Amino acid sequence: MTAPNLEAAYLAEAEFRQAMGHFATGVTVVTSIDADGDPVGTTANAVSSLSLDPPLVLVCFDKSSLTLEAVRSHGAFAVNVLAADQRHLSVNFARRGLAAAWDGVRHRRGPTGSPRLHGVIAVIECTVEHHLPGGDHEIVVGRVREVETGDGTVAPLVFWRGSYTSLRDK
């Protein structure tokens, strides 16, 4: 690419990122276990329900994600939906290029062996159905094996226009 084309590509990427930032999303931590049996996790907001019959969700991982590597080898993962007061967990698990610090992170293993974080508003445990290419990401489709929801009065953590926010009853 020539320099002007690189600049145009960067501007298009920045504009796309800004436009997508106007789409409010929930914040999750997707967890699994690595080849040594240790917990891994990454913050993700590119998570969506896909199908009710069969129950499927999709999660998009950066191709270099350590959690993606673990999901590939383990064949299962858990989507932990964060509550408004769990921003610290999102920040902890969003550390690019580093393994998240699990010290002090309360969790338990679910039926698939994937970690379920304490105090989240919902957990969706899945086994891997498909891996699909998605540009600089990989799309993982998971079959829902078990769900658990918490206190229905707790507000979710939301990401919108580059910042954390939450939904509150007026």
N, C-alpha and C. Protein backbone atom coordinates (compact mmCIF):
# COMPACT_ATOMS: atom_id res chain seq x y z
N MET A 1 0.83 -1.18 0.00
CA MET A 1 0.00 0.00 0.00
C MET A 1 0.87 1.25 0.00
N THR A 2 0.44 2.24 -0.71
CA THR A 2 1.15 3.51 -0.69
C THR A 2 0.77 4.28 0.58
N ALA A 3 1.56 5.28 0.91
CA ALA A 3 1.31 6.05 2.14
C ALA A 3 -0.10 6.62 2.19
N PRO A 4 -0.63 7.24 1.11
CA PRO A 4 -2.00 7.75 1.19
C PRO A 4 -3.03 6.64 1.44
N ASN A 5 -2.81 5.46 0.85
CA ASN A 5 -3.73 4.36 1.06
C ASN A 5 -3.67 3.86 2.50
N LEU A 6 -2.48 3.84 3.10
CA LEU A 6 -2.35 3.46 4.51
C LEU A 6 -3.10 4.45 5.38
N GLU A 7 -2.95 5.74 5.09
CA GLU A 7 -3.63 6.77 5.86
C GLU A 7 -5.14 6.62 5.74
N ALA A 8 -5.62 6.36 4.54
CA ALA A 8 -7.06 6.18 4.32
C ALA A 8 -7.56 4.95 5.07
N ALA A 9 -6.78 3.88 5.06
CA ALA A 9 -7.17 2.67 5.78
C ALA A 9 -7.24 2.93 7.28
N TYR A 10 -6.25 3.69 7.80
CA TYR A 10 -6.25 4.02 9.23
C TYR A 10 -7.46 4.86 9.58
N LEU A 11 -7.76 5.88 8.75
CA LEU A 11 -8.92 6.73 9.01
C LEU A 11 -10.20 5.92 8.98
N ALA A 12 -10.33 5.02 8.02
CA ALA A 12 -11.52 4.19 7.94
C ALA A 12 -11.64 3.31 9.19
N GLU A 13 -10.52 2.76 9.66
CA GLU A 13 -10.53 1.93 10.87
C GLU A 13 -10.94 2.77 12.08
N ALA A 14 -10.37 3.96 12.20
CA ALA A 14 -10.70 4.84 13.33
C ALA A 14 -12.16 5.26 13.29
N GLU A 15 -12.66 5.57 12.10
CA GLU A 15 -14.07 5.96 11.97
C GLU A 15 -14.99 4.79 12.29
N PHE A 16 -14.61 3.61 11.83
CA PHE A 16 -15.41 2.42 12.12
C PHE A 16 -15.43 2.15 13.62
N ARG A 17 -14.26 2.24 14.26
CA ARG A 17 -14.18 2.03 15.71
C ARG A 17 -15.06 3.04 16.44
N GLN A 18 -15.00 4.30 16.02
CA GLN A 18 -15.80 5.34 16.66
C GLN A 18 -17.29 5.07 16.47
N ALA A 19 -17.68 4.71 15.26
CA ALA A 19 -19.09 4.42 14.99
C ALA A 19 -19.57 3.24 15.82
N MET A 20 -18.78 2.18 15.89
CA MET A 20 -19.17 0.99 16.67
C MET A 20 -19.22 1.31 18.16
N GLY A 21 -18.44 2.29 18.59
CA GLY A 21 -18.47 2.71 19.99
C GLY A 21 -19.82 3.27 20.41
N HIS A 22 -20.63 3.68 19.45
CA HIS A 22 -21.97 4.18 19.75
C HIS A 22 -22.96 3.04 20.00
N PHE A 23 -22.52 1.83 19.78
CA PHE A 23 -23.35 0.65 20.05
C PHE A 23 -23.02 0.16 21.46
N ALA A 24 -23.92 0.39 22.40
CA ALA A 24 -23.67 -0.02 23.78
C ALA A 24 -23.65 -1.54 23.87
N THR A 25 -22.68 -2.06 24.61
CA THR A 25 -22.57 -3.51 24.78
C THR A 25 -22.40 -3.86 26.25
N GLY A 26 -22.81 -5.05 26.59
CA GLY A 26 -22.51 -5.58 27.91
C GLY A 26 -21.05 -5.94 27.97
N VAL A 27 -20.53 -6.11 29.17
CA VAL A 27 -19.13 -6.47 29.35
C VAL A 27 -19.07 -7.85 29.99
N THR A 28 -18.27 -8.71 29.40
CA THR A 28 -18.12 -10.08 29.90
C THR A 28 -16.65 -10.40 30.10
N VAL A 29 -16.41 -11.43 30.88
CA VAL A 29 -15.10 -12.06 30.94
C VAL A 29 -15.31 -13.49 30.49
N VAL A 30 -14.65 -13.86 29.39
CA VAL A 30 -14.74 -15.22 28.87
C VAL A 30 -13.58 -16.00 29.46
N THR A 31 -13.89 -17.13 30.09
CA THR A 31 -12.88 -17.92 30.80
C THR A 31 -12.81 -19.34 30.25
N SER A 32 -11.66 -19.93 30.46
CA SER A 32 -11.43 -21.33 30.09
C SER A 32 -10.26 -21.82 30.94
N ILE A 33 -9.73 -22.96 30.59
CA ILE A 33 -8.52 -23.45 31.26
C ILE A 33 -7.49 -23.80 30.19
N ASP A 34 -6.23 -23.54 30.51
CA ASP A 34 -5.18 -23.79 29.53
C ASP A 34 -4.73 -25.26 29.59
N ALA A 35 -3.75 -25.59 28.79
CA ALA A 35 -3.28 -26.98 28.68
C ALA A 35 -2.75 -27.52 30.01
N ASP A 36 -2.30 -26.62 30.90
CA ASP A 36 -1.82 -27.04 32.22
C ASP A 36 -2.92 -27.10 33.26
N GLY A 37 -4.14 -26.76 32.87
CA GLY A 37 -5.26 -26.76 33.80
C GLY A 37 -5.42 -25.47 34.58
N ASP A 38 -4.65 -24.44 34.21
CA ASP A 38 -4.73 -23.16 34.89
C ASP A 38 -5.83 -22.31 34.27
N PRO A 39 -6.49 -21.47 35.09
CA PRO A 39 -7.54 -20.61 34.55
C PRO A 39 -6.98 -19.50 33.68
N VAL A 40 -7.71 -19.16 32.63
CA VAL A 40 -7.38 -18.04 31.76
C VAL A 40 -8.68 -17.28 31.50
N GLY A 41 -8.54 -16.02 31.12
CA GLY A 41 -9.74 -15.24 30.82
C GLY A 41 -9.39 -13.97 30.09
N THR A 42 -10.38 -13.45 29.39
CA THR A 42 -10.22 -12.19 28.67
C THR A 42 -11.53 -11.42 28.70
N THR A 43 -11.42 -10.11 28.78
CA THR A 43 -12.60 -9.26 28.70
C THR A 43 -13.08 -9.25 27.26
N ALA A 44 -14.39 -9.37 27.09
CA ALA A 44 -14.96 -9.38 25.74
C ALA A 44 -16.32 -8.70 25.74
N ASN A 45 -16.52 -7.86 24.73
CA ASN A 45 -17.87 -7.33 24.53
C ASN A 45 -18.42 -7.75 23.17
N ALA A 46 -17.62 -8.46 22.38
CA ALA A 46 -18.08 -9.03 21.12
C ALA A 46 -18.63 -10.42 21.39
N VAL A 47 -19.77 -10.44 22.08
CA VAL A 47 -20.44 -11.67 22.50
C VAL A 47 -21.90 -11.51 22.13
N SER A 48 -22.50 -12.56 21.59
CA SER A 48 -23.90 -12.45 21.17
C SER A 48 -24.59 -13.80 21.23
N SER A 49 -25.89 -13.75 21.51
CA SER A 49 -26.67 -14.97 21.34
C SER A 49 -26.79 -15.20 19.83
N LEU A 50 -26.84 -16.44 19.43
CA LEU A 50 -26.88 -16.77 18.02
C LEU A 50 -28.13 -17.56 17.67
N SER A 51 -28.52 -18.49 18.54
CA SER A 51 -29.65 -19.36 18.24
C SER A 51 -30.27 -19.85 19.54
N LEU A 52 -31.59 -20.01 19.53
CA LEU A 52 -32.28 -20.60 20.67
C LEU A 52 -32.41 -22.11 20.53
N ASP A 53 -32.50 -22.58 19.28
CA ASP A 53 -32.67 -24.01 19.05
C ASP A 53 -31.79 -24.46 17.89
N PRO A 54 -30.60 -24.98 18.19
CA PRO A 54 -30.05 -25.24 19.52
C PRO A 54 -29.53 -23.95 20.15
N PRO A 55 -29.36 -23.94 21.47
CA PRO A 55 -28.85 -22.74 22.12
C PRO A 55 -27.37 -22.53 21.80
N LEU A 56 -27.09 -21.43 21.08
CA LEU A 56 -25.72 -21.13 20.65
C LEU A 56 -25.39 -19.67 20.97
N VAL A 57 -24.13 -19.42 21.31
CA VAL A 57 -23.61 -18.07 21.46
C VAL A 57 -22.36 -17.96 20.60
N LEU A 58 -22.01 -16.71 20.27
CA LEU A 58 -20.74 -16.52 19.58
C LEU A 58 -19.90 -15.52 20.36
N VAL A 59 -18.61 -15.77 20.33
CA VAL A 59 -17.63 -14.92 20.98
C VAL A 59 -16.52 -14.66 19.98
N CYS A 60 -16.09 -13.41 19.88
CA CYS A 60 -15.02 -13.04 18.97
C CYS A 60 -13.75 -12.77 19.76
N PHE A 61 -12.68 -13.47 19.41
CA PHE A 61 -11.39 -13.34 20.09
C PHE A 61 -10.35 -12.80 19.13
N ASP A 62 -9.48 -11.92 19.61
CA ASP A 62 -8.30 -11.52 18.86
C ASP A 62 -7.51 -12.78 18.57
N LYS A 63 -6.97 -12.90 17.37
CA LYS A 63 -6.25 -14.12 17.00
C LYS A 63 -5.06 -14.43 17.91
N SER A 64 -4.49 -13.42 18.56
CA SER A 64 -3.34 -13.65 19.43
C SER A 64 -3.74 -13.90 20.88
N SER A 65 -5.02 -14.01 21.18
CA SER A 65 -5.51 -14.17 22.54
C SER A 65 -5.06 -15.50 23.17
N LEU A 66 -4.53 -15.40 24.38
CA LEU A 66 -4.17 -16.60 25.14
C LEU A 66 -5.43 -17.38 25.52
N THR A 67 -6.52 -16.66 25.73
CA THR A 67 -7.78 -17.35 26.06
C THR A 67 -8.29 -18.13 24.86
N LEU A 68 -8.16 -17.56 23.66
CA LEU A 68 -8.55 -18.30 22.45
C LEU A 68 -7.75 -19.58 22.35
N GLU A 69 -6.46 -19.51 22.58
CA GLU A 69 -5.62 -20.70 22.54
C GLU A 69 -6.12 -21.76 23.53
N ALA A 70 -6.50 -21.32 24.72
CA ALA A 70 -7.02 -22.25 25.74
C ALA A 70 -8.37 -22.83 25.32
N VAL A 71 -9.24 -21.99 24.77
CA VAL A 71 -10.55 -22.46 24.32
C VAL A 71 -10.39 -23.51 23.23
N ARG A 72 -9.46 -23.28 22.31
CA ARG A 72 -9.19 -24.27 21.26
C ARG A 72 -8.78 -25.61 21.85
N SER A 73 -7.87 -25.58 22.82
CA SER A 73 -7.37 -26.84 23.38
C SER A 73 -8.35 -27.48 24.36
N HIS A 74 -9.03 -26.68 25.15
CA HIS A 74 -9.96 -27.21 26.15
C HIS A 74 -11.31 -27.60 25.55
N GLY A 75 -11.73 -26.86 24.50
CA GLY A 75 -12.99 -27.18 23.85
C GLY A 75 -14.21 -26.66 24.60
N ALA A 76 -13.99 -25.77 25.57
CA ALA A 76 -15.11 -25.24 26.35
C ALA A 76 -14.73 -23.87 26.90
N PHE A 77 -15.76 -23.10 27.26
CA PHE A 77 -15.53 -21.78 27.83
C PHE A 77 -16.78 -21.35 28.60
N ALA A 78 -16.61 -20.32 29.43
CA ALA A 78 -17.73 -19.73 30.15
C ALA A 78 -17.75 -18.23 29.86
N VAL A 79 -18.95 -17.71 29.61
CA VAL A 79 -19.15 -16.28 29.44
C VAL A 79 -19.70 -15.76 30.77
N ASN A 80 -18.92 -14.93 31.45
CA ASN A 80 -19.29 -14.35 32.74
C ASN A 80 -19.75 -12.92 32.49
N VAL A 81 -21.03 -12.63 32.71
CA VAL A 81 -21.59 -11.31 32.47
C VAL A 81 -21.38 -10.45 33.72
N LEU A 82 -20.65 -9.34 33.56
CA LEU A 82 -20.25 -8.54 34.71
C LEU A 82 -21.35 -7.58 35.18
N ALA A 83 -21.37 -7.38 36.50
CA ALA A 83 -22.26 -6.42 37.14
C ALA A 83 -21.60 -5.04 37.13
N ALA A 84 -22.40 -4.01 37.34
CA ALA A 84 -21.92 -2.63 37.28
C ALA A 84 -20.74 -2.38 38.21
N ASP A 85 -20.68 -3.06 39.34
CA ASP A 85 -19.59 -2.84 40.30
C ASP A 85 -18.38 -3.73 40.06
N GLN A 86 -18.30 -4.37 38.89
CA GLN A 86 -17.19 -5.28 38.60
C GLN A 86 -16.26 -4.76 37.52
N ARG A 87 -16.16 -3.46 37.39
CA ARG A 87 -15.26 -2.85 36.42
C ARG A 87 -13.83 -3.34 36.63
N HIS A 88 -13.44 -3.54 37.90
CA HIS A 88 -12.08 -4.01 38.21
C HIS A 88 -11.78 -5.35 37.54
N LEU A 89 -12.78 -6.22 37.42
CA LEU A 89 -12.56 -7.51 36.74
C LEU A 89 -12.36 -7.29 35.24
N SER A 90 -13.14 -6.40 34.66
CA SER A 90 -12.97 -6.10 33.24
C SER A 90 -11.58 -5.58 32.97
N VAL A 91 -11.11 -4.65 33.78
CA VAL A 91 -9.77 -4.08 33.61
C VAL A 91 -8.71 -5.15 33.78
N ASN A 92 -8.85 -5.98 34.79
CA ASN A 92 -7.88 -7.05 35.05
C ASN A 92 -7.75 -8.00 33.86
N PHE A 93 -8.87 -8.39 33.29
CA PHE A 93 -8.85 -9.39 32.22
C PHE A 93 -8.67 -8.78 30.83
N ALA A 94 -8.55 -7.45 30.75
CA ALA A 94 -8.34 -6.78 29.47
C ALA A 94 -6.88 -6.49 29.20
N ARG A 95 -5.99 -6.93 30.05
CA ARG A 95 -4.57 -6.62 29.90
C ARG A 95 -4.00 -7.36 28.70
N ARG A 96 -3.81 -6.63 27.62
CA ARG A 96 -3.34 -7.19 26.35
C ARG A 96 -1.92 -7.72 26.49
N GLY A 97 -1.72 -8.94 26.02
CA GLY A 97 -0.39 -9.52 25.99
C GLY A 97 0.06 -10.12 27.31
N LEU A 98 -0.74 -9.98 28.34
CA LEU A 98 -0.38 -10.53 29.65
C LEU A 98 -1.46 -11.48 30.11
N ALA A 99 -1.06 -12.43 30.89
CA ALA A 99 -2.06 -13.29 31.53
C ALA A 99 -2.70 -12.47 32.64
N ALA A 100 -4.01 -12.56 32.77
CA ALA A 100 -4.71 -11.84 33.83
C ALA A 100 -4.27 -12.38 35.18
N ALA A 101 -4.29 -11.50 36.15
CA ALA A 101 -3.95 -11.90 37.51
C ALA A 101 -5.15 -12.57 38.15
N TRP A 102 -4.99 -13.81 38.56
CA TRP A 102 -6.07 -14.55 39.20
C TRP A 102 -6.01 -14.46 40.72
N ASP A 103 -4.94 -13.90 41.25
CA ASP A 103 -4.84 -13.73 42.70
C ASP A 103 -5.97 -12.84 43.17
N GLY A 104 -6.74 -13.33 44.13
CA GLY A 104 -7.84 -12.55 44.68
C GLY A 104 -9.11 -12.58 43.85
N VAL A 105 -9.10 -13.25 42.71
CA VAL A 105 -10.31 -13.34 41.88
C VAL A 105 -11.07 -14.60 42.31
N ARG A 106 -12.18 -14.39 43.00
CA ARG A 106 -12.97 -15.54 43.47
C ARG A 106 -13.67 -16.19 42.30
N HIS A 107 -13.53 -17.51 42.22
CA HIS A 107 -14.16 -18.27 41.14
C HIS A 107 -14.27 -19.73 41.56
N ARG A 108 -15.08 -20.44 40.79
CA ARG A 108 -15.20 -21.89 40.96
C ARG A 108 -15.31 -22.51 39.58
N ARG A 109 -14.97 -23.78 39.49
CA ARG A 109 -15.07 -24.48 38.21
C ARG A 109 -16.51 -24.92 37.97
N GLY A 110 -16.96 -24.71 36.74
CA GLY A 110 -18.29 -25.17 36.36
C GLY A 110 -18.22 -26.57 35.77
N PRO A 111 -19.33 -27.08 35.27
CA PRO A 111 -19.38 -28.43 34.71
C PRO A 111 -18.38 -28.69 33.59
N THR A 112 -18.04 -27.66 32.80
CA THR A 112 -17.07 -27.86 31.72
C THR A 112 -15.63 -27.70 32.21
N GLY A 113 -15.47 -27.32 33.47
CA GLY A 113 -14.15 -27.05 34.01
C GLY A 113 -13.76 -25.59 33.88
N SER A 114 -14.53 -24.82 33.13
CA SER A 114 -14.23 -23.40 32.94
C SER A 114 -14.57 -22.61 34.19
N PRO A 115 -13.75 -21.60 34.52
CA PRO A 115 -14.00 -20.81 35.72
C PRO A 115 -15.27 -19.95 35.63
N ARG A 116 -16.02 -19.97 36.72
CA ARG A 116 -17.19 -19.10 36.88
C ARG A 116 -16.80 -18.06 37.93
N LEU A 117 -16.84 -16.80 37.55
CA LEU A 117 -16.44 -15.73 38.45
C LEU A 117 -17.54 -15.45 39.48
N HIS A 118 -17.11 -15.20 40.70
CA HIS A 118 -18.04 -14.94 41.80
C HIS A 118 -18.71 -13.58 41.62
N GLY A 119 -20.02 -13.53 41.85
CA GLY A 119 -20.73 -12.27 41.88
C GLY A 119 -21.19 -11.73 40.53
N VAL A 120 -20.94 -12.47 39.45
CA VAL A 120 -21.40 -11.99 38.14
C VAL A 120 -22.92 -12.12 38.05
N ILE A 121 -23.52 -11.41 37.10
CA ILE A 121 -24.98 -11.45 37.02
C ILE A 121 -25.50 -12.63 36.20
N ALA A 122 -24.62 -13.24 35.40
CA ALA A 122 -24.99 -14.44 34.66
C ALA A 122 -23.73 -15.16 34.20
N VAL A 123 -23.83 -16.48 34.08
CA VAL A 123 -22.76 -17.30 33.51
C VAL A 123 -23.40 -18.21 32.47
N ILE A 124 -22.76 -18.28 31.31
CA ILE A 124 -23.22 -19.16 30.24
C ILE A 124 -22.05 -20.07 29.90
N GLU A 125 -22.19 -21.35 30.22
CA GLU A 125 -21.11 -22.31 29.94
C GLU A 125 -21.38 -23.01 28.63
N CYS A 126 -20.33 -23.13 27.82
CA CYS A 126 -20.47 -23.65 26.46
C CYS A 126 -19.37 -24.64 26.13
N THR A 127 -19.68 -25.52 25.20
CA THR A 127 -18.66 -26.32 24.53
C THR A 127 -18.56 -25.79 23.10
N VAL A 128 -17.38 -25.90 22.52
CA VAL A 128 -17.13 -25.32 21.21
C VAL A 128 -17.81 -26.15 20.12
N GLU A 129 -18.59 -25.45 19.28
CA GLU A 129 -19.24 -26.06 18.12
C GLU A 129 -18.45 -25.79 16.84
N HIS A 130 -18.02 -24.53 16.66
CA HIS A 130 -17.35 -24.12 15.43
C HIS A 130 -16.34 -23.01 15.71
N HIS A 131 -15.34 -22.93 14.84
CA HIS A 131 -14.39 -21.82 14.77
C HIS A 131 -14.52 -21.25 13.36
N LEU A 132 -14.65 -19.93 13.26
CA LEU A 132 -14.79 -19.30 11.95
C LEU A 132 -13.83 -18.12 11.85
N PRO A 133 -13.27 -17.88 10.65
CA PRO A 133 -12.40 -16.72 10.50
C PRO A 133 -13.22 -15.44 10.58
N GLY A 134 -12.60 -14.40 11.12
CA GLY A 134 -13.26 -13.11 11.23
C GLY A 134 -12.27 -11.97 11.16
N GLY A 135 -11.54 -11.86 10.05
CA GLY A 135 -10.54 -10.80 9.92
C GLY A 135 -9.41 -10.99 10.92
N ASP A 136 -9.18 -9.98 11.75
CA ASP A 136 -8.12 -10.09 12.76
C ASP A 136 -8.59 -10.81 14.02
N HIS A 137 -9.80 -11.33 13.97
CA HIS A 137 -10.37 -12.10 15.08
C HIS A 137 -10.77 -13.49 14.62
N GLU A 138 -11.05 -14.33 15.59
CA GLU A 138 -11.63 -15.64 15.31
C GLU A 138 -12.97 -15.70 16.03
N ILE A 139 -13.98 -16.17 15.32
CA ILE A 139 -15.32 -16.30 15.88
C ILE A 139 -15.47 -17.72 16.39
N VAL A 140 -15.81 -17.84 17.66
CA VAL A 140 -16.04 -19.16 18.25
C VAL A 140 -17.53 -19.26 18.56
N VAL A 141 -18.15 -20.29 18.02
CA VAL A 141 -19.55 -20.57 18.29
C VAL A 141 -19.59 -21.65 19.36
N GLY A 142 -20.30 -21.36 20.43
CA GLY A 142 -20.40 -22.31 21.53
C GLY A 142 -21.82 -22.79 21.73
N ARG A 143 -21.95 -24.08 22.02
CA ARG A 143 -23.25 -24.65 22.37
C ARG A 143 -23.43 -24.49 23.88
N VAL A 144 -24.52 -23.87 24.25
CA VAL A 144 -24.79 -23.60 25.66
C VAL A 144 -25.10 -24.91 26.37
N ARG A 145 -24.35 -25.19 27.43
CA ARG A 145 -24.54 -26.41 28.21
C ARG A 145 -25.21 -26.14 29.55
N GLU A 146 -24.97 -24.95 30.09
CA GLU A 146 -25.58 -24.61 31.38
C GLU A 146 -25.57 -23.10 31.54
N VAL A 147 -26.62 -22.58 32.15
CA VAL A 147 -26.68 -21.16 32.47
C VAL A 147 -27.00 -20.99 33.94
N GLU A 148 -26.55 -19.86 34.47
CA GLU A 148 -26.85 -19.51 35.85
C GLU A 148 -27.01 -17.99 35.89
N THR A 149 -28.08 -17.53 36.51
CA THR A 149 -28.28 -16.09 36.65
C THR A 149 -28.28 -15.74 38.12
N GLY A 150 -27.84 -14.52 38.40
CA GLY A 150 -27.77 -14.04 39.77
C GLY A 150 -28.96 -13.16 40.10
N ASP A 151 -28.73 -12.26 41.02
CA ASP A 151 -29.73 -11.31 41.50
C ASP A 151 -30.23 -10.45 40.36
N GLY A 152 -31.52 -10.53 40.06
CA GLY A 152 -32.10 -9.78 38.96
C GLY A 152 -32.20 -8.29 39.18
N THR A 153 -31.84 -7.80 40.37
CA THR A 153 -31.93 -6.37 40.64
C THR A 153 -30.60 -5.65 40.41
N VAL A 154 -29.53 -6.40 40.12
CA VAL A 154 -28.21 -5.80 39.94
C VAL A 154 -28.05 -5.33 38.49
N ALA A 155 -27.56 -4.10 38.32
CA ALA A 155 -27.37 -3.53 36.99
C ALA A 155 -26.13 -4.12 36.33
N PRO A 156 -26.14 -4.26 35.00
CA PRO A 156 -24.97 -4.77 34.28
C PRO A 156 -23.92 -3.69 34.06
N LEU A 157 -22.69 -4.12 33.85
CA LEU A 157 -21.64 -3.22 33.40
C LEU A 157 -21.80 -3.06 31.89
N VAL A 158 -21.74 -1.83 31.42
CA VAL A 158 -21.96 -1.53 30.01
C VAL A 158 -20.79 -0.72 29.49
N PHE A 159 -20.43 -0.96 28.22
CA PHE A 159 -19.37 -0.19 27.57
C PHE A 159 -20.01 0.58 26.43
N TRP A 160 -19.78 1.92 26.42
CA TRP A 160 -20.41 2.77 25.42
C TRP A 160 -19.52 3.98 25.15
N ARG A 161 -19.21 4.21 23.87
CA ARG A 161 -18.40 5.34 23.43
C ARG A 161 -17.06 5.43 24.17
N GLY A 162 -16.43 4.26 24.35
CA GLY A 162 -15.09 4.20 24.91
C GLY A 162 -15.02 4.27 26.42
N SER A 163 -16.18 4.19 27.11
CA SER A 163 -16.19 4.29 28.56
C SER A 163 -17.14 3.27 29.16
N TYR A 164 -16.89 2.95 30.42
CA TYR A 164 -17.81 2.10 31.16
C TYR A 164 -18.98 2.94 31.65
N THR A 165 -20.14 2.33 31.67
CA THR A 165 -21.33 2.95 32.23
C THR A 165 -22.21 1.82 32.74
N SER A 166 -23.37 2.14 33.24
CA SER A 166 -24.30 1.09 33.67
C SER A 166 -25.71 1.56 33.43
N LEU A 167 -26.62 0.62 33.48
CA LEU A 167 -28.04 0.92 33.33
C LEU A 167 -28.61 1.07 34.73
N ARG A 168 -29.31 2.11 34.95
CA ARG A 168 -29.93 2.35 36.25
C ARG A 168 -31.41 2.62 36.05
N ASP A 169 -32.23 2.12 36.96
CA ASP A 169 -33.66 2.46 36.93
C ASP A 169 -33.82 3.93 37.28
N LYS A 170 -34.69 4.58 36.60
CA LYS A 170 -34.91 6.03 36.85
C LYS A 170 -36.01 6.23 37.84
